[in-house]
Protein backbone atom coordinates (compact mmCIF):
# COMPACT_ATOMS: atom_id res chain seq x y z
CA MET A 1 -1.07 -29.30 3.72
CA THR A 2 -3.90 -29.75 6.25
CA SER A 3 -5.24 -27.09 8.43
CA VAL A 4 -8.40 -26.98 11.14
CA LEU A 5 -11.08 -24.87 11.22
CA ASP A 6 -11.65 -22.71 14.37
CA GLU A 7 -14.51 -21.44 16.48
CA LYS A 8 -15.79 -19.47 13.90
CA ARG A 9 -15.36 -21.15 10.58
CA ARG A 10 -12.09 -19.87 9.40
CA VAL A 11 -9.10 -21.85 8.43
CA VAL A 12 -5.84 -20.71 8.09
CA LEU A 13 -3.73 -21.03 5.22
CA PRO A 14 -0.63 -22.39 4.77
CA LYS A 15 2.20 -20.50 4.11
CA GLU A 16 3.42 -21.92 0.65
CA ILE A 17 -0.42 -21.56 -0.13
CA VAL A 18 0.13 -18.08 0.57
CA GLU A 19 3.16 -17.34 -0.93
CA GLU A 20 2.40 -19.35 -4.62
CA LEU A 21 -0.85 -17.31 -4.63
CA ASP A 22 0.76 -13.78 -3.63
CA LEU A 23 -2.39 -13.26 -1.38
CA ASP A 24 -2.10 -10.57 0.92
CA GLU A 25 -4.66 -9.36 3.36
CA GLY A 26 -7.58 -8.05 2.04
CA THR A 27 -7.15 -10.26 -1.00
CA ALA A 28 -10.09 -11.19 -2.77
CA VAL A 29 -10.38 -15.03 -3.03
CA ALA A 30 -12.80 -17.09 -4.80
CA PHE A 31 -14.39 -20.76 -3.97
CA GLU A 32 -15.79 -22.88 -6.16
CA ARG A 33 -17.19 -26.63 -5.91
CA ARG A 34 -16.14 -29.10 -8.74
CA ARG A 35 -17.13 -32.72 -8.24
CA GLY A 36 -16.94 -32.68 -4.46
CA VAL A 37 -14.19 -30.40 -4.07
CA VAL A 38 -13.50 -27.19 -3.03
CA ILE A 39 -11.53 -24.96 -5.15
CA MET A 40 -10.27 -21.65 -3.76
CA LYS A 41 -8.20 -18.95 -6.21
CA LYS A 42 -6.98 -15.52 -6.18
CA VAL A 43 -9.63 -13.26 -7.73
CA GLY A 44 -8.08 -11.15 -10.53
CA ARG A 45 -8.74 -7.86 -11.75
CA GLY A 46 -10.02 -6.96 -15.19
CA GLU A 47 -11.23 -9.99 -17.80
CA ASP A 48 -10.28 -12.20 -15.20
CA SER A 49 -12.96 -10.98 -12.71
CA LEU A 50 -15.19 -10.76 -15.17
CA ARG A 51 -15.32 -13.86 -16.23
CA GLU A 52 -15.72 -15.12 -12.78
CA ALA A 53 -18.83 -12.87 -11.76
CA MET A 54 -20.32 -13.94 -14.61
CA ALA A 55 -19.60 -17.74 -14.16
CA TRP A 56 -21.79 -17.71 -10.57
CA ASN A 57 -24.90 -19.08 -10.41
CA PRO A 58 -26.63 -18.98 -7.09
CA LYS A 59 -29.62 -21.11 -6.23
CA ARG A 60 -32.48 -19.62 -7.32
CA VAL A 61 -35.24 -19.78 -4.34
CA ARG A 62 -37.86 -17.23 -5.89
CA LYS A 63 -39.39 -16.81 -9.20
CA PRO A 64 -37.09 -13.65 -11.17
CA GLN A 65 -39.97 -10.34 -10.97
CA PRO A 66 -39.86 -8.54 -14.16
CA VAL A 67 -37.74 -5.15 -14.40
CA ARG A 68 -39.69 -2.42 -15.09
CA GLU A 69 -38.91 -0.07 -18.40
CA GLU A 70 -38.32 2.81 -16.05
CA GLU A 71 -35.57 0.17 -13.87
CA VAL A 72 -34.31 -0.23 -17.39
CA ARG A 73 -33.79 3.70 -18.44
CA GLU A 74 -32.36 4.46 -15.21
CA ILE A 75 -29.55 1.98 -15.44
CA TRP A 76 -28.65 3.13 -19.00
CA ASP A 77 -29.30 7.25 -19.09
């Protein structure tokens, strides 16, 4: 199966893939790179979504800033 990017870098998914993954308009999908291959998968709910979010590891471009004690208290209070 193949598809072509349009002028806005969008791609139309083949009908077979849409049906197999049970994708609808507005369904979230995740992209992952593995050894030069891009993998697309449907983002689930609950534990699967959390696992995917925790596995996301963006390239750091700046040094992390320390969190102030007040900020931590705002989160946990």
